[in-house]
């Protein structure tokens, strides 16, 4: 188990929301969901909706930290995920190609998030079944769909 996962489990047990917020790469965690939602919006509205969504992507910690505390507080350990679980976790986090209608800055942001997901090399699973990916910077990457 990595140091980050150990620290996240301890923070959750201590109900230390601030520590948990620091341990998770929230942007990469929700970027795939953001881009899939934007792709479903009418082309004429995409850049505007994407801008609003990108602002939320850049500060999602408040919404998801509380959702993460409970499942992690219930966990006592984590082990490296088996191949199938790891592949599914990475698929859940994947950031799709940006759809037409986004600004250049939005496309760059999407590409950066996609690269962060591609660079994930470790996926663990808690004893309560929550997948925890470790991002390239050592922080956790957690799909909101896992909570």
Foldseek 3Di string as FASTA:
>chain_A
DDPLLVQLLVCLLVVPLVSNLVQAQQLLQCQQVLQVVLQPDPLVCSAVSSVVSNVCSVPVSVVCSVVPSVVSPPFDDKDFDDPVVVVVQLVLSAHDQHDPNHDPVSNVSSVVSNVFSVQFDTWIATPSGAIWTQTPVRGTRHHSVSD
